[in-house]
Amino acid sequence: IEGSPVDHAVFEQLLQSYDEGVAEFL
């Protein structure tokens, strides 16, 4: 895939995670 498979609102919520894997995902 290209880009993120989540919408902007979920993307913003995921930004609050300290998890390195989430940072990779984002």
PDB file of all heavy atoms in Angstrom:
ATOM      1  N   ILE A   1       0.847  -1.188   0.000  1.00  0.00           N
ATOM      2  CA  ILE A   1       0.000   0.000   0.000  1.00  0.00           C
ATOM      3  C   ILE A   1       0.881   1.236   0.000  1.00  0.00           C
ATOM      4  O   ILE A   1       2.058   1.181   0.349  1.00  0.00           O
ATOM      5  CB  ILE A   1      -0.949   0.043   1.227  1.00  0.00           C
ATOM      6  CG1 ILE A   1      -0.149   0.065   2.535  1.00  0.00           C
ATOM      7  CG2 ILE A   1      -1.937  -1.110   1.191  1.00  0.00           C
ATOM      8  CD1 ILE A   1      -0.964   0.390   3.770  1.00  0.00           C
ATOM      9  N   GLU A   2       0.298   2.344  -0.375  1.00  0.00           N
ATOM     10  CA  GLU A   2       0.943   3.658  -0.271  1.00  0.00           C
ATOM     11  C   GLU A   2       0.226   4.425   0.818  1.00  0.00           C
ATOM     12  O   GLU A   2      -0.988   4.300   0.983  1.00  0.00           O
ATOM     13  CB  GLU A   2       0.831   4.418  -1.599  1.00  0.00           C
ATOM     14  CG  GLU A   2       1.578   3.783  -2.747  1.00  0.00           C
ATOM     15  CD  GLU A   2       3.083   3.818  -2.564  1.00  0.00           C
ATOM     16  OE1 GLU A   2       3.600   4.794  -1.977  1.00  0.00           O
ATOM     17  OE2 GLU A   2       3.748   2.857  -2.995  1.00  0.00           O
ATOM     18  N   GLY A   3       0.957   5.215   1.572  1.00  0.00           N
ATOM     19  CA  GLY A   3       0.329   6.051   2.581  1.00  0.00           C
ATOM     20  C   GLY A   3      -0.176   5.266   3.767  1.00  0.00           C
ATOM     21  O   GLY A   3       0.193   4.121   3.996  1.00  0.00           O
ATOM     22  N   SER A   4      -1.049   5.896   4.512  1.00  0.00           N
ATOM     23  CA  SER A   4      -1.572   5.308   5.744  1.00  0.00           C
ATOM     24  C   SER A   4      -2.952   4.714   5.515  1.00  0.00           C
ATOM     25  O   SER A   4      -3.794   5.337   4.895  1.00  0.00           O
ATOM     26  CB  SER A   4      -1.663   6.395   6.817  1.00  0.00           C
ATOM     27  OG  SER A   4      -2.273   5.886   7.969  1.00  0.00           O
ATOM     28  N   PRO A   5      -3.207   3.522   6.079  1.00  0.00           N
ATOM     29  CA  PRO A   5      -4.528   2.907   5.932  1.00  0.00           C
ATOM     30  C   PRO A   5      -5.538   3.366   6.988  1.00  0.00           C
ATOM     31  O   PRO A   5      -6.532   2.703   7.218  1.00  0.00           O
ATOM     32  CB  PRO A   5      -4.227   1.417   6.062  1.00  0.00           C
ATOM     33  CG  PRO A   5      -3.065   1.369   6.978  1.00  0.00           C
ATOM     34  CD  PRO A   5      -2.247   2.601   6.667  1.00  0.00           C
ATOM     35  N   VAL A   6      -5.254   4.499   7.641  1.00  0.00           N
ATOM     36  CA  VAL A   6      -6.206   5.047   8.609  1.00  0.00           C
ATOM     37  C   VAL A   6      -6.544   6.476   8.223  1.00  0.00           C
ATOM     38  O   VAL A   6      -5.746   7.170   7.598  1.00  0.00           O
ATOM     39  CB  VAL A   6      -5.658   5.005  10.064  1.00  0.00           C
ATOM     40  CG1 VAL A   6      -5.452   3.576  10.522  1.00  0.00           C
ATOM     41  CG2 VAL A   6      -4.383   5.810  10.209  1.00  0.00           C
ATOM     42  N   ASP A   7      -7.728   6.918   8.632  1.00  0.00           N
ATOM     43  CA  ASP A   7      -8.115   8.294   8.313  1.00  0.00           C
ATOM     44  C   ASP A   7      -7.386   9.276   9.229  1.00  0.00           C
ATOM     45  O   ASP A   7      -6.709   8.890  10.188  1.00  0.00           O
ATOM     46  CB  ASP A   7      -9.636   8.463   8.380  1.00  0.00           C
ATOM     47  CG  ASP A   7     -10.218   8.252   9.767  1.00  0.00           C
ATOM     48  OD1 ASP A   7      -9.533   8.549  10.770  1.00  0.00           O
ATOM     49  OD2 ASP A   7     -11.375   7.800   9.840  1.00  0.00           O
ATOM     50  N   HIS A   8      -7.535  10.557   8.930  1.00  0.00           N
ATOM     51  CA  HIS A   8      -6.783  11.594   9.635  1.00  0.00           C
ATOM     52  C   HIS A   8      -7.076  11.604  11.140  1.00  0.00           C
ATOM     53  O   HIS A   8      -6.169  11.779  11.955  1.00  0.00           O
ATOM     54  CB  HIS A   8      -7.087  12.969   9.025  1.00  0.00           C
ATOM     55  CG  HIS A   8      -6.298  14.067   9.658  1.00  0.00           C
ATOM     56  ND1 HIS A   8      -4.945  14.207   9.467  1.00  0.00           N
ATOM     57  CD2 HIS A   8      -6.674  15.041  10.525  1.00  0.00           C
ATOM     58  CE1 HIS A   8      -4.508  15.236  10.190  1.00  0.00           C
ATOM     59  NE2 HIS A   8      -5.539  15.764  10.830  1.00  0.00           N
ATOM     60  N   ALA A   9      -8.325  11.407  11.531  1.00  0.00           N
ATOM     61  CA  ALA A   9      -8.683  11.430  12.956  1.00  0.00           C
ATOM     62  C   ALA A   9      -7.972  10.311  13.718  1.00  0.00           C
ATOM     63  O   ALA A   9      -7.450  10.535  14.819  1.00  0.00           O
ATOM     64  CB  ALA A   9     -10.198  11.313  13.126  1.00  0.00           C
ATOM     65  N   VAL A  10      -7.917   9.120  13.144  1.00  0.00           N
ATOM     66  CA  VAL A  10      -7.217   7.999  13.791  1.00  0.00           C
ATOM     67  C   VAL A  10      -5.714   8.270  13.787  1.00  0.00           C
ATOM     68  O   VAL A  10      -5.026   8.030  14.781  1.00  0.00           O
ATOM     69  CB  VAL A  10      -7.559   6.662  13.102  1.00  0.00           C
ATOM     70  CG1 VAL A  10      -6.691   5.532  13.643  1.00  0.00           C
ATOM     71  CG2 VAL A  10      -9.029   6.347  13.265  1.00  0.00           C
ATOM     72  N   PHE A  11      -5.205   8.788  12.685  1.00  0.00           N
ATOM     73  CA  PHE A  11      -3.789   9.145  12.591  1.00  0.00           C
ATOM     74  C   PHE A  11      -3.416  10.068  13.744  1.00  0.00           C
ATOM     75  O   PHE A  11      -2.402   9.865  14.416  1.00  0.00           O
ATOM     76  CB  PHE A  11      -3.514   9.814  11.239  1.00  0.00           C
ATOM     77  CG  PHE A  11      -2.065  10.106  10.976  1.00  0.00           C
ATOM     78  CD1 PHE A  11      -1.271   9.210  10.291  1.00  0.00           C
ATOM     79  CD2 PHE A  11      -1.490  11.303  11.397  1.00  0.00           C
ATOM     80  CE1 PHE A  11       0.068   9.481  10.038  1.00  0.00           C
ATOM     81  CE2 PHE A  11      -0.157  11.582  11.159  1.00  0.00           C
ATOM     82  CZ  PHE A  11       0.624  10.672  10.473  1.00  0.00           C
ATOM     83  N   GLU A  12      -4.221  11.081  13.990  1.00  0.00           N
ATOM     84  CA  GLU A  12      -3.966  12.037  15.073  1.00  0.00           C
ATOM     85  C   GLU A  12      -3.958  11.340  16.437  1.00  0.00           C
ATOM     86  O   GLU A  12      -3.141  11.651  17.299  1.00  0.00           O
ATOM     87  CB  GLU A  12      -5.004  13.163  15.063  1.00  0.00           C
ATOM     88  CG  GLU A  12      -4.853  14.116  13.881  1.00  0.00           C
ATOM     89  CD  GLU A  12      -3.538  14.889  13.918  1.00  0.00           C
ATOM     90  OE1 GLU A  12      -3.133  15.356  14.997  1.00  0.00           O
ATOM     91  OE2 GLU A  12      -2.911  15.014  12.845  1.00  0.00           O
ATOM     92  N   GLN A  13      -4.852  10.388  16.645  1.00  0.00           N
ATOM     93  CA  GLN A  13      -4.882   9.634  17.899  1.00  0.00           C
ATOM     94  C   GLN A  13      -3.629   8.774  18.052  1.00  0.00           C
ATOM     95  O   GLN A  13      -3.042   8.701  19.129  1.00  0.00           O
ATOM     96  CB  GLN A  13      -6.140   8.754  17.968  1.00  0.00           C
ATOM     97  CG  GLN A  13      -7.420   9.531  18.118  1.00  0.00           C
ATOM     98  CD  GLN A  13      -7.497  10.247  19.454  1.00  0.00           C
ATOM     99  OE1 GLN A  13      -7.163   9.689  20.490  1.00  0.00           O
ATOM    100  NE2 GLN A  13      -7.921  11.495  19.422  1.00  0.00           N
ATOM    101  N   LEU A  14      -3.212   8.134  16.962  1.00  0.00           N
ATOM    102  CA  LEU A  14      -2.031   7.273  17.008  1.00  0.00           C
ATOM    103  C   LEU A  14      -0.756   8.064  17.295  1.00  0.00           C
ATOM    104  O   LEU A  14       0.207   7.525  17.844  1.00  0.00           O
ATOM    105  CB  LEU A  14      -1.892   6.487  15.703  1.00  0.00           C
ATOM    106  CG  LEU A  14      -2.938   5.397  15.473  1.00  0.00           C
ATOM    107  CD1 LEU A  14      -2.776   4.789  14.086  1.00  0.00           C
ATOM    108  CD2 LEU A  14      -2.885   4.325  16.540  1.00  0.00           C
ATOM    109  N   LEU A  15      -0.745   9.348  16.941  1.00  0.00           N
ATOM    110  CA  LEU A  15       0.415  10.189  17.233  1.00  0.00           C
ATOM    111  C   LEU A  15       0.697  10.274  18.730  1.00  0.00           C
ATOM    112  O   LEU A  15       1.812  10.589  19.136  1.00  0.00           O
ATOM    113  CB  LEU A  15       0.213  11.606  16.678  1.00  0.00           C
ATOM    114  CG  LEU A  15       0.493  11.797  15.198  1.00  0.00           C
ATOM    115  CD1 LEU A  15       0.104  13.205  14.766  1.00  0.00           C
ATOM    116  CD2 LEU A  15       1.945  11.524  14.861  1.00  0.00           C
ATOM    117  N   GLN A  16      -0.288   9.979  19.544  1.00  0.00           N
ATOM    118  CA  GLN A  16      -0.118  10.051  20.996  1.00  0.00           C
ATOM    119  C   GLN A  16       0.609   8.834  21.564  1.00  0.00           C
ATOM    120  O   GLN A  16       0.990   8.821  22.730  1.00  0.00           O
ATOM    121  CB  GLN A  16      -1.481  10.204  21.670  1.00  0.00           C
ATOM    122  CG  GLN A  16      -2.163  11.494  21.291  1.00  0.00           C
ATOM    123  CD  GLN A  16      -3.542  11.605  21.911  1.00  0.00           C
ATOM    124  OE1 GLN A  16      -3.709  11.300  23.088  1.00  0.00           O
ATOM    125  NE2 GLN A  16      -4.503  12.020  21.127  1.00  0.00           N
ATOM    126  N   SER A  17       0.834   7.815  20.749  1.00  0.00           N
ATOM    127  CA  SER A  17       1.505   6.603  21.205  1.00  0.00           C
ATOM    128  C   SER A  17       3.012   6.825  21.305  1.00  0.00           C
ATOM    129  O   SER A  17       3.612   7.502  20.477  1.00  0.00           O
ATOM    130  CB  SER A  17       1.232   5.465  20.223  1.00  0.00           C
ATOM    131  OG  SER A  17       1.983   4.328  20.588  1.00  0.00           O
ATOM    132  N   TYR A  18       3.614   6.226  22.326  1.00  0.00           N
ATOM    133  CA  TYR A  18       5.071   6.255  22.480  1.00  0.00           C
ATOM    134  C   TYR A  18       5.736   5.052  21.814  1.00  0.00           C
ATOM    135  O   TYR A  18       6.950   4.926  21.820  1.00  0.00           O
ATOM    136  CB  TYR A  18       5.443   6.252  23.969  1.00  0.00           C
ATOM    137  CG  TYR A  18       5.033   7.512  24.677  1.00  0.00           C
ATOM    138  CD1 TYR A  18       3.946   7.514  25.534  1.00  0.00           C
ATOM    139  CD2 TYR A  18       5.721   8.702  24.471  1.00  0.00           C
ATOM    140  CE1 TYR A  18       3.557   8.677  26.188  1.00  0.00           C
ATOM    141  CE2 TYR A  18       5.339   9.863  25.111  1.00  0.00           C
ATOM    142  CZ  TYR A  18       4.260   9.838  25.973  1.00  0.00           C
ATOM    143  OH  TYR A  18       3.880  10.987  26.605  1.00  0.00           O
ATOM    144  N   ASP A  19       4.960   4.166  21.245  1.00  0.00           N
ATOM    145  CA  ASP A  19       5.451   2.925  20.676  1.00  0.00           C
ATOM    146  C   ASP A  19       6.230   3.188  19.378  1.00  0.00           C
ATOM    147  O   ASP A  19       5.735   3.860  18.474  1.00  0.00           O
ATOM    148  CB  ASP A  19       4.238   2.019  20.407  1.00  0.00           C
ATOM    149  CG  ASP A  19       4.644   0.653  19.960  1.00  0.00           C
ATOM    150  OD1 ASP A  19       4.921   0.493  18.750  1.00  0.00           O
ATOM    151  OD2 ASP A  19       4.671  -0.261  20.797  1.00  0.00           O
ATOM    152  N   GLU A  20       7.442   2.640  19.287  1.00  0.00           N
ATOM    153  CA  GLU A  20       8.269   2.822  18.083  1.00  0.00           C
ATOM    154  C   GLU A  20       7.624   2.213  16.848  1.00  0.00           C
ATOM    155  O   GLU A  20       7.757   2.731  15.744  1.00  0.00           O
ATOM    156  CB  GLU A  20       9.664   2.219  18.289  1.00  0.00           C
ATOM    157  CG  GLU A  20      10.564   3.074  19.131  1.00  0.00           C
ATOM    158  CD  GLU A  20      10.877   4.429  18.518  1.00  0.00           C
ATOM    159  OE1 GLU A  20      11.304   4.490  17.343  1.00  0.00           O
ATOM    160  OE2 GLU A  20      10.684   5.433  19.220  1.00  0.00           O
ATOM    161  N   GLY A  21       6.928   1.094  17.018  1.00  0.00           N
ATOM    162  CA  GLY A  21       6.253   0.472  15.884  1.00  0.00           C
ATOM    163  C   GLY A  21       5.146   1.346  15.331  1.00  0.00           C
ATOM    164  O   GLY A  21       4.926   1.391  14.122  1.00  0.00           O
ATOM    165  N   VAL A  22       4.447   2.044  16.207  1.00  0.00           N
ATOM    166  CA  VAL A  22       3.415   2.977  15.746  1.00  0.00           C
ATOM    167  C   VAL A  22       4.078   4.128  14.997  1.00  0.00           C
ATOM    168  O   VAL A  22       3.582   4.579  13.968  1.00  0.00           O
ATOM    169  CB  VAL A  22       2.533   3.474  16.919  1.00  0.00           C
ATOM    170  CG1 VAL A  22       1.581   4.561  16.464  1.00  0.00           C
ATOM    171  CG2 VAL A  22       1.761   2.301  17.515  1.00  0.00           C
ATOM    172  N   ALA A  23       5.238   4.588  15.478  1.00  0.00           N
ATOM    173  CA  ALA A  23       5.974   5.638  14.766  1.00  0.00           C
ATOM    174  C   ALA A  23       6.368   5.174  13.365  1.00  0.00           C
ATOM    175  O   ALA A  23       6.281   5.941  12.401  1.00  0.00           O
ATOM    176  CB  ALA A  23       7.209   6.045  15.566  1.00  0.00           C
ATOM    177  N   GLU A  24       6.769   3.909  13.248  1.00  0.00           N
ATOM    178  CA  GLU A  24       7.071   3.349  11.924  1.00  0.00           C
ATOM    179  C   GLU A  24       5.824   3.362  11.048  1.00  0.00           C
ATOM    180  O   GLU A  24       5.867   3.749   9.887  1.00  0.00           O
ATOM    181  CB  GLU A  24       7.541   1.895  12.039  1.00  0.00           C
ATOM    182  CG  GLU A  24       8.906   1.701  12.604  1.00  0.00           C
ATOM    183  CD  GLU A  24       9.213   0.221  12.690  1.00  0.00           C
ATOM    184  OE1 GLU A  24       8.695  -0.455  13.592  1.00  0.00           O
ATOM    185  OE2 GLU A  24       9.986  -0.245  11.827  1.00  0.00           O
ATOM    186  N   PHE A  25       4.722   2.898  11.620  1.00  0.00           N
ATOM    187  CA  PHE A  25       3.456   2.848  10.902  1.00  0.00           C
ATOM    188  C   PHE A  25       3.061   4.229  10.388  1.00  0.00           C
ATOM    189  O   PHE A  25       2.615   4.387   9.257  1.00  0.00           O
ATOM    190  CB  PHE A  25       2.364   2.297  11.823  1.00  0.00           C
ATOM    191  CG  PHE A  25       0.975   2.405  11.277  1.00  0.00           C
ATOM    192  CD1 PHE A  25       0.529   1.518  10.307  1.00  0.00           C
ATOM    193  CD2 PHE A  25       0.107   3.391  11.723  1.00  0.00           C
ATOM    194  CE1 PHE A  25      -0.752   1.613   9.800  1.00  0.00           C
ATOM    195  CE2 PHE A  25      -1.176   3.488  11.231  1.00  0.00           C
ATOM    196  CZ  PHE A  25      -1.610   2.591  10.258  1.00  0.00           C
ATOM    197  N   LEU A  26       3.245   5.251  11.233  1.00  0.00           N
ATOM    198  CA  LEU A  26       2.873   6.610  10.867  1.00  0.00           C
ATOM    199  C   LEU A  26       3.892   7.253   9.929  1.00  0.00           C
ATOM    200  O   LEU A  26       3.678   8.354   9.455  1.00  0.00           O
ATOM    201  CB  LEU A  26       2.710   7.468  12.131  1.00  0.00           C
ATOM    202  CG  LEU A  26       1.601   7.031  13.084  1.00  0.00           C
ATOM    203  CD1 LEU A  26       1.621   7.893  14.345  1.00  0.00           C
ATOM    204  CD2 LEU A  26       0.238   7.077  12.414  1.00  0.00           C
TER     205      LEU A  26
END
